């Protein structure tokens, strides 16, 4: 049965209200911890899973019983994480866990091989692994090496770009959103703040005003990441559309005032763009630093490649989580299509960090099992390249 969107919204607000009540919180958190302990025990008894950690708001603070999601990090044995069949059993265990633990609502989790833990340790700040706790509340790591400032800013920029699409798409297509408008704005501002001072105060009471704030955060973030570098072509003279298989990018000319931006957002909301694609709106000046997807451009201007040093910084966050994306793809009915996208991104990452020859723009071939095997081989090679990259950055300090 499909629950109507208004009823879901009312139910969610009611649960949030109850979960945030001070008198209820001790009972709610005790119930969540009990469910988590059972979840951990069952998952750790699954062949191929070595360890299970909880992460995210549950250990950072801000977790609301009955409302917030539980986020997990699964440490897999190398054999379990590289076996197509065993991963299918692991996904079945995750589906079962979601049935009897209502806090496990998000499909995303980290799926990391034991042999990939040295990369996790090298980039522990970007993984936020200091906030991974076991079922007894113990932290998973004691020594946390600090990631250099440029990489931290680039990781925040990549996530700012990703979440801005949630805000813009929810505004332009309120009936076909990927996340709530409020979540998109909140996440975008969170990552904008991580890039440095200058982020305005957050308010979602007026959606067009909030979008102006998101747009300005993108402007400042691009300026910080480019840091005087201006690769690519000049800015657009008018609105420009670029479409890939799963995204629409709307480039606006430079120098628009706040009222002009509000008007442009209202005009865009009246246009009939493909709803199946996530829509991003950004200034032309931000385009040279935008973490463009590895999928093919269907229409519009082809992005010119970033200088390699900048690209290695901007795409690092994606590269770190591509192994998880590869393994998670097997849980979906459209696994082959997802694997194609992940393998394309892995090829690009391998080229960026291992210095391998480019593999072209042709989409990957083969069925899901063949694509998974290719992706697993690329993941293994990428781990060595990322460790070398981390070592080189450390030597420069």
Protein backbone atom coordinates (compact mmCIF):
# COMPACT_ATOMS: atom_id res chain seq x y z
CA UNK A 1 0.00 0.00 0.00
CA UNK A 2 1.33 3.44 -0.96
CA UNK A 3 0.90 5.99 1.83
CA UNK A 4 -0.10 9.45 0.53
CA UNK A 5 2.65 12.09 0.83
CA UNK A 6 0.63 14.43 3.13
CA UNK A 7 -0.07 11.56 5.55
CA UNK A 8 3.62 10.58 5.55
CA UNK A 9 4.58 14.18 6.31
CA UNK A 10 2.09 14.42 9.20
CA UNK A 11 3.26 11.08 10.60
CA UNK A 12 6.90 12.11 10.36
CA UNK A 13 6.27 15.41 12.13
CA UNK A 14 4.31 13.63 14.87
CA UNK A 15 7.11 11.11 15.46
CA UNK A 16 9.70 13.90 15.47
CA UNK A 17 7.66 15.80 18.03
CA UNK A 18 7.29 12.76 20.30
CA UNK A 19 10.92 11.69 19.91
CA UNK A 20 12.22 15.16 20.77
CA UNK A 21 10.27 15.38 24.05
CA UNK A 22 12.66 15.37 27.01
CA UNK A 23 10.49 12.95 29.02
CA UNK A 24 10.41 10.43 26.16
CA UNK A 25 14.07 10.59 25.09
CA UNK A 26 15.53 8.22 27.76
CA UNK A 27 12.95 5.54 26.89
CA UNK A 28 13.38 6.08 23.14
CA UNK A 29 17.18 5.90 23.25
CA UNK A 30 17.10 2.78 25.45
CA UNK A 31 14.84 1.09 22.89
CA UNK A 32 17.09 2.16 20.00
CA UNK A 33 20.22 0.84 21.75
CA UNK A 34 18.52 -2.49 22.44
CA UNK A 35 17.47 -2.83 18.81
CA UNK A 36 20.95 -1.85 17.65
CA UNK A 37 22.64 -4.50 19.80
CA UNK A 38 20.43 -7.20 18.32
CA UNK A 39 21.01 -5.84 14.83
CA UNK A 40 24.78 -5.94 15.33
CA UNK A 41 24.71 -9.48 16.69
CA UNK A 42 22.62 -10.80 13.79
CA UNK A 43 24.63 -9.03 11.12
CA UNK A 44 27.96 -10.14 12.60
CA UNK A 45 26.73 -13.74 12.43
CA UNK A 46 26.28 -13.33 8.66
CA UNK A 47 29.08 -14.95 6.61
CA UNK A 48 31.27 -12.29 5.05
CA UNK A 49 30.64 -9.60 7.72
CA UNK A 50 33.52 -9.15 10.17
CA UNK A 51 32.47 -6.06 12.15
CA UNK A 52 29.54 -3.65 12.35
CA UNK A 53 29.72 -0.03 13.51
CA UNK A 54 27.09 2.63 13.98
CA UNK A 55 27.94 6.13 12.74
CA UNK A 56 26.29 9.43 11.85
CA UNK A 57 23.95 11.43 14.07
CA UNK A 58 23.60 8.57 16.58
CA UNK A 59 27.19 9.08 17.76
CA UNK A 60 27.69 12.73 16.70
CA UNK A 61 24.64 13.89 18.65
CA UNK A 62 21.35 15.19 17.32
CA UNK A 63 19.75 11.75 16.97
CA UNK A 64 15.98 11.85 17.56
CA UNK A 65 14.26 8.56 18.52
CA UNK A 66 11.39 7.60 16.18
CA UNK A 67 12.63 10.10 13.58
CA UNK A 68 16.35 9.83 12.79
CA UNK A 69 17.95 7.04 10.77
CA UNK A 70 20.64 4.69 12.01
CA UNK A 71 23.68 4.69 9.69
CA UNK A 72 26.01 1.68 9.63
CA UNK A 73 29.54 0.85 8.53
CA UNK A 74 30.01 -2.83 7.68
CA UNK A 75 33.54 -4.24 7.64
CA UNK A 76 33.52 -7.21 5.25
CA UNK A 77 35.99 -10.02 4.87
CA UNK A 78 37.90 -9.74 1.61
CA UNK A 79 36.33 -12.95 0.37
CA UNK A 80 32.84 -11.83 1.32
CA UNK A 81 33.17 -8.39 -0.25
CA UNK A 82 34.57 -9.69 -3.53
CA UNK A 83 32.08 -12.52 -3.96
CA UNK A 84 29.01 -11.68 -6.04
CA UNK A 85 27.02 -14.49 -4.41
CA UNK A 86 28.09 -13.79 -0.83
CA UNK A 87 27.25 -10.09 -1.21
CA UNK A 88 23.76 -11.13 -2.27
CA UNK A 89 23.41 -12.97 1.07
CA UNK A 90 24.75 -9.92 2.93
CA UNK A 91 22.14 -7.73 1.26
CA UNK A 92 19.45 -10.21 2.25
CA UNK A 93 20.67 -9.95 5.86
CA UNK A 94 20.46 -6.15 5.61
CA UNK A 95 16.88 -6.35 4.26
CA UNK A 96 15.95 -8.64 7.14
CA UNK A 97 17.58 -6.25 9.62
CA UNK A 98 15.50 -3.36 8.28
CA UNK A 99 12.32 -5.35 8.86
CA UNK A 100 12.88 -5.79 12.58
CA UNK A 101 14.81 -2.57 13.26
CA UNK A 102 12.66 0.38 12.12
CA UNK A 103 15.60 2.76 12.66
CA UNK A 104 17.40 1.23 9.65
CA UNK A 105 15.50 3.14 6.97
CA UNK A 106 18.33 4.49 4.81
CA UNK A 107 19.61 2.12 2.10
CA UNK A 108 23.11 3.64 2.19
CA UNK A 109 25.79 2.16 4.42
CA UNK A 110 29.56 1.88 4.18
CA UNK A 111 30.69 -1.54 2.94
CA UNK A 112 34.44 -1.70 3.42
CA UNK A 113 36.79 -4.64 2.99
CA UNK A 114 39.26 -5.51 5.73
CA UNK A 115 42.09 -4.85 3.27
CA UNK A 116 40.70 -1.32 2.67
CA UNK A 117 41.04 -0.25 6.31
CA UNK A 118 44.50 1.36 5.75
CA UNK A 119 42.82 3.82 3.35
CA UNK A 120 40.08 4.46 5.93
CA UNK A 121 42.77 5.26 8.49
CA UNK A 122 44.67 7.53 6.09
CA UNK A 123 41.51 9.53 5.29
CA UNK A 124 39.74 8.97 8.60
CA UNK A 125 38.53 12.58 8.83
CA UNK A 126 36.71 12.26 5.49
CA UNK A 127 35.21 8.92 6.52
CA UNK A 128 34.42 10.40 9.97
CA UNK A 129 35.59 7.06 11.35
CA UNK A 130 36.30 8.67 14.72
CA UNK A 131 32.51 8.55 15.08
CA UNK A 132 32.17 4.83 14.36
CA UNK A 133 31.12 3.01 17.52
CA UNK A 134 30.59 -0.67 18.21
CA UNK A 135 27.49 -2.10 19.93
CA UNK A 136 28.98 -1.22 23.33
CA UNK A 137 29.58 2.42 22.42
CA UNK A 138 33.35 2.09 22.03
CA UNK A 139 35.07 4.13 19.30
CA UNK A 140 36.60 2.10 16.47
CA UNK A 141 39.82 4.12 16.17
CA UNK A 142 42.19 5.71 18.66
CA UNK A 143 44.67 7.58 16.42
CA UNK A 144 43.14 9.92 13.86
CA UNK A 145 45.62 11.47 11.40
CA UNK A 146 44.54 14.93 10.32
CA UNK A 147 43.66 15.45 6.64
CA UNK A 148 45.16 18.57 5.07
CA UNK A 149 42.97 21.65 4.74
CA UNK A 150 42.69 21.58 0.94
CA UNK A 151 41.34 18.03 0.95
CA UNK A 152 38.87 18.78 3.74
CA UNK A 153 37.57 21.81 1.84
CA UNK A 154 37.33 19.82 -1.41
CA UNK A 155 35.38 17.03 0.32
CA UNK A 156 32.96 19.58 1.78
CA UNK A 157 32.63 21.19 -1.67
CA UNK A 158 31.77 17.85 -3.29
CA UNK A 159 29.03 17.22 -0.73
CA UNK A 160 27.74 20.79 -0.97
CA UNK A 161 27.34 20.29 -4.72
CA UNK A 162 25.59 16.95 -4.25
CA UNK A 163 23.08 18.20 -1.69
CA UNK A 164 22.32 21.42 -3.56
CA UNK A 165 20.54 19.22 -6.10
CA UNK A 166 18.18 18.02 -3.37
CA UNK A 167 17.19 21.61 -2.56
CA UNK A 168 16.76 22.78 -6.15
CA UNK A 169 15.02 19.64 -7.35
CA UNK A 170 12.57 19.66 -4.42
CA UNK A 171 11.73 23.30 -5.23
CA UNK A 172 11.32 22.75 -8.97
CA UNK A 173 9.54 19.38 -8.70
CA UNK A 174 7.77 19.20 -5.31
CA UNK A 175 6.02 15.95 -6.27
CA UNK A 176 9.19 14.21 -7.46
CA UNK A 177 11.78 15.09 -4.86
CA UNK A 178 14.77 12.97 -3.92
CA UNK A 179 14.95 14.44 -0.39
CA UNK A 180 12.96 17.07 1.41
CA UNK A 181 13.68 20.69 0.54
CA UNK A 182 14.61 21.38 4.15
CA UNK A 183 17.09 18.48 4.23
CA UNK A 184 18.73 19.68 1.01
CA UNK A 185 19.14 23.24 2.32
CA UNK A 186 20.31 22.11 5.76
CA UNK A 187 22.94 19.72 4.36
CA UNK A 188 24.18 22.27 1.82
CA UNK A 189 24.69 24.88 4.53
CA UNK A 190 26.37 22.34 6.81
CA UNK A 191 29.04 21.63 4.20
CA UNK A 192 29.33 25.30 3.26
CA UNK A 193 30.21 26.04 6.88
CA UNK A 194 32.93 23.38 6.76
CA UNK A 195 34.58 25.26 3.90
CA UNK A 196 35.16 28.36 6.00
CA UNK A 197 33.48 31.50 7.34
CA UNK A 198 30.99 33.59 5.41
CA UNK A 199 27.98 31.26 5.34
CA UNK A 200 24.75 33.19 6.03
CA UNK A 201 22.24 32.10 8.64
CA UNK A 202 19.91 29.26 7.65
CA UNK A 203 16.20 29.87 7.09
CA UNK A 204 13.73 27.79 5.06
CA UNK A 205 10.66 29.90 5.77
CA UNK A 206 10.84 31.43 2.28
CA UNK A 207 11.99 28.84 -0.22
CA UNK A 208 13.19 31.24 -2.88
CA UNK A 209 15.21 33.18 -0.32
CA UNK A 210 16.68 29.89 0.98
CA UNK A 211 17.67 28.92 -2.57
CA UNK A 212 19.43 32.24 -3.02
CA UNK A 213 21.46 31.32 0.08
CA UNK A 214 22.29 27.90 -1.41
CA UNK A 215 23.32 29.57 -4.68
CA UNK A 216 25.57 32.05 -2.85
CA UNK A 217 27.14 29.18 -0.90
CA UNK A 218 28.00 27.53 -4.22
CA UNK A 219 29.57 30.78 -5.46
CA UNK A 220 31.75 31.10 -2.37
CA UNK A 221 32.67 27.42 -2.40
CA UNK A 222 33.75 27.52 -6.04
CA UNK A 223 35.89 30.59 -5.38
CA UNK A 224 37.55 28.82 -2.45
CA UNK A 225 38.24 25.61 -4.39
CA UNK A 226 39.43 27.28 -7.59
CA UNK A 227 41.65 29.68 -5.61
CA UNK A 228 42.54 31.75 -8.66
CA UNK A 229 42.41 28.85 -11.14
CA UNK A 230 39.98 29.45 -14.01
CA UNK A 231 40.01 26.36 -16.24
CA UNK A 232 37.41 25.96 -18.98
CA UNK A 233 35.43 28.36 -21.07
CA UNK A 234 33.98 31.74 -20.16
CA UNK A 235 30.68 32.26 -18.39
CA UNK A 236 27.29 31.91 -20.03
CA UNK A 237 25.56 34.95 -21.47
CA UNK A 238 22.15 33.49 -20.59
CA UNK A 239 20.65 30.37 -19.05
CA UNK A 240 22.38 27.24 -20.31
CA UNK A 241 21.24 23.62 -19.90
CA UNK A 242 23.52 20.57 -19.80
CA UNK A 243 21.99 17.11 -19.48
CA UNK A 244 23.47 13.75 -18.63
CA UNK A 245 21.68 10.44 -18.17
CA UNK A 246 20.63 11.26 -14.61
CA UNK A 247 21.15 14.98 -14.07
CA UNK A 248 20.26 18.37 -15.51
CA UNK A 249 22.64 21.27 -14.89
CA UNK A 250 21.30 24.80 -15.23
CA UNK A 251 24.09 27.37 -15.60
CA UNK A 252 23.17 30.99 -14.93
CA UNK A 253 25.13 34.04 -16.01
CA UNK A 254 27.32 35.84 -13.52
CA UNK A 255 26.41 38.92 -11.52
CA UNK A 256 22.72 38.23 -10.82
CA UNK A 257 21.27 40.08 -7.82
CA UNK A 258 19.18 38.35 -5.15
CA UNK A 259 15.84 39.56 -6.63
CA UNK A 260 16.97 38.48 -10.10
CA UNK A 261 17.83 35.02 -8.76
CA UNK A 262 14.46 34.67 -7.04
CA UNK A 263 12.74 35.57 -10.31
CA UNK A 264 14.89 33.09 -12.26
CA UNK A 265 14.08 30.28 -9.83
CA UNK A 266 10.35 30.98 -10.24
CA UNK A 267 10.74 30.92 -14.03
CA UNK A 268 12.62 27.62 -13.91
CA UNK A 269 9.83 26.10 -11.81
CA UNK A 270 7.40 26.78 -14.67
CA UNK A 271 9.54 25.04 -17.30
CA UNK A 272 9.06 21.40 -18.23
CA UNK A 273 12.47 19.83 -17.70
CA UNK A 274 12.97 16.06 -17.39
CA UNK A 275 11.75 15.15 -13.91
CA UNK A 276 13.65 11.87 -13.82
CA UNK A 277 16.93 13.80 -13.77
CA UNK A 278 18.16 15.55 -10.62
CA UNK A 279 18.35 19.28 -11.35
CA UNK A 280 21.25 21.41 -10.19
CA UNK A 281 21.38 25.21 -10.58
CA UNK A 282 24.78 26.88 -10.40
CA UNK A 283 26.62 29.99 -11.58
CA UNK A 284 28.83 29.65 -14.65
CA UNK A 285 31.88 30.50 -12.57
CA UNK A 286 31.31 27.37 -10.46
CA UNK A 287 31.17 25.02 -13.45
CA UNK A 288 34.97 24.59 -13.83
CA UNK A 289 35.16 23.13 -10.31
CA UNK A 290 31.90 21.18 -10.31
CA UNK A 291 32.33 17.41 -9.59
CA UNK A 292 30.75 16.38 -12.87
CA UNK A 293 29.41 12.80 -13.11
CA UNK A 294 31.34 10.25 -15.11
CA UNK A 295 28.26 9.42 -17.22
CA UNK A 296 27.91 10.70 -20.76
CA UNK A 297 26.65 14.18 -21.61
CA UNK A 298 23.50 13.89 -23.71
CA UNK A 299 23.09 17.56 -24.63
CA UNK A 300 24.80 20.85 -23.97
CA UNK A 301 28.39 21.89 -23.54
CA UNK A 302 30.95 19.21 -22.68
CA UNK A 303 32.86 20.12 -19.52
CA UNK A 304 36.56 20.67 -20.05
CA UNK A 305 38.74 18.57 -17.75
CA UNK A 306 40.03 20.14 -14.56
CA UNK A 307 43.78 20.41 -14.00
CA UNK A 308 44.87 17.07 -12.52
CA UNK A 309 45.88 18.40 -9.06
CA UNK A 310 42.49 20.09 -8.61
CA UNK A 311 40.61 17.06 -9.95
CA UNK A 312 42.39 14.75 -7.48
CA UNK A 313 41.18 16.94 -4.63
CA UNK A 314 37.62 17.45 -5.86
CA UNK A 315 36.97 13.80 -6.75
CA UNK A 316 38.67 12.30 -3.69
CA UNK A 317 35.49 12.04 -1.62
CA UNK A 318 33.76 10.19 -4.46
CA UNK A 319 36.77 7.90 -4.94
CA UNK A 320 36.80 6.92 -1.26
CA UNK A 321 33.20 5.72 -1.34
CA UNK A 322 33.10 4.10 -4.78
CA UNK A 323 33.86 0.64 -3.31
CA UNK A 324 30.77 0.94 -1.08
CA UNK A 325 28.71 2.15 -4.05
CA UNK A 326 29.85 -0.86 -6.09
CA UNK A 327 28.75 -3.33 -3.39
CA UNK A 328 25.51 -1.53 -2.60
CA UNK A 329 24.49 -1.54 -6.27
CA UNK A 330 23.84 -5.29 -6.09
CA UNK A 331 20.86 -4.69 -3.78
CA UNK A 332 18.76 -2.95 -6.45
CA UNK A 333 16.62 -4.28 -9.31
CA UNK A 334 18.51 -2.01 -11.74
CA UNK A 335 21.86 -3.35 -10.52
CA UNK A 336 23.44 -3.47 -13.98
CA UNK A 337 22.67 0.19 -14.71
CA UNK A 338 24.01 1.24 -11.32
CA UNK A 339 27.13 -0.88 -11.77
CA UNK A 340 27.74 0.74 -15.17
CA UNK A 341 27.78 4.16 -13.54
CA UNK A 342 30.01 3.04 -10.67
CA UNK A 343 32.48 1.31 -12.99
CA UNK A 344 32.69 4.44 -15.16
CA UNK A 345 33.50 6.47 -12.04
CA UNK A 346 36.04 3.88 -10.92
CA UNK A 347 37.77 4.07 -14.30
CA UNK A 348 38.04 7.84 -13.95
CA UNK A 349 39.32 7.54 -10.37
CA UNK A 350 41.89 4.96 -11.42
CA UNK A 351 43.10 7.33 -14.12
CA UNK A 352 43.26 10.27 -11.69
CA UNK A 353 45.07 8.59 -8.81
CA UNK A 354 46.99 5.74 -10.45
CA UNK A 355 48.03 7.69 -13.53
CA UNK A 356 46.67 4.94 -15.78
CA UNK A 357 45.83 5.69 -19.37
CA UNK A 358 42.30 7.03 -19.92
CA UNK A 359 39.84 4.32 -20.88
CA UNK A 360 37.60 6.50 -23.05
CA UNK A 361 33.94 7.40 -22.63
CA UNK A 362 32.33 4.18 -23.85
CA UNK A 363 29.95 2.67 -21.27
CA UNK A 364 31.11 -0.56 -19.63
CA UNK A 365 30.01 -3.87 -21.16
CA UNK A 366 28.84 -7.14 -19.65
CA UNK A 367 26.20 -8.42 -17.26
CA UNK A 368 26.00 -7.49 -13.58
CA UNK A 369 28.45 -10.20 -12.48
CA UNK A 370 31.06 -9.18 -15.07
CA UNK A 371 30.69 -5.51 -14.20
CA UNK A 372 31.05 -6.29 -10.51
CA UNK A 373 34.23 -8.27 -11.16
CA UNK A 374 35.70 -5.42 -13.20
CA UNK A 375 34.74 -2.93 -10.50
CA UNK A 376 36.28 -5.09 -7.77
CA UNK A 377 39.59 -5.24 -9.66
CA UNK A 378 39.54 -1.47 -10.09
CA UNK A 379 38.76 -1.00 -6.39
CA UNK A 380 41.78 -3.08 -5.43
CA UNK A 381 44.11 -1.07 -7.68
CA UNK A 382 42.55 2.20 -6.51
CA UNK A 383 43.32 1.42 -2.86
CA UNK A 384 47.06 1.29 -3.61
CA UNK A 385 46.85 4.54 -5.59
CA UNK A 386 44.98 6.31 -2.78
CA UNK A 387 47.57 5.22 -0.21
CA UNK A 388 50.32 6.63 -2.44
CA UNK A 389 48.32 9.84 -2.84
CA UNK A 390 47.90 10.13 0.94
CA UNK A 391 51.62 9.53 1.47
CA UNK A 392 52.55 12.22 -1.07
CA UNK A 393 50.22 14.74 0.61
CA UNK A 394 51.68 13.90 4.01
CA UNK A 395 55.25 14.40 2.72
CA UNK A 396 54.34 17.89 1.47
CA UNK A 397 53.28 19.12 4.90
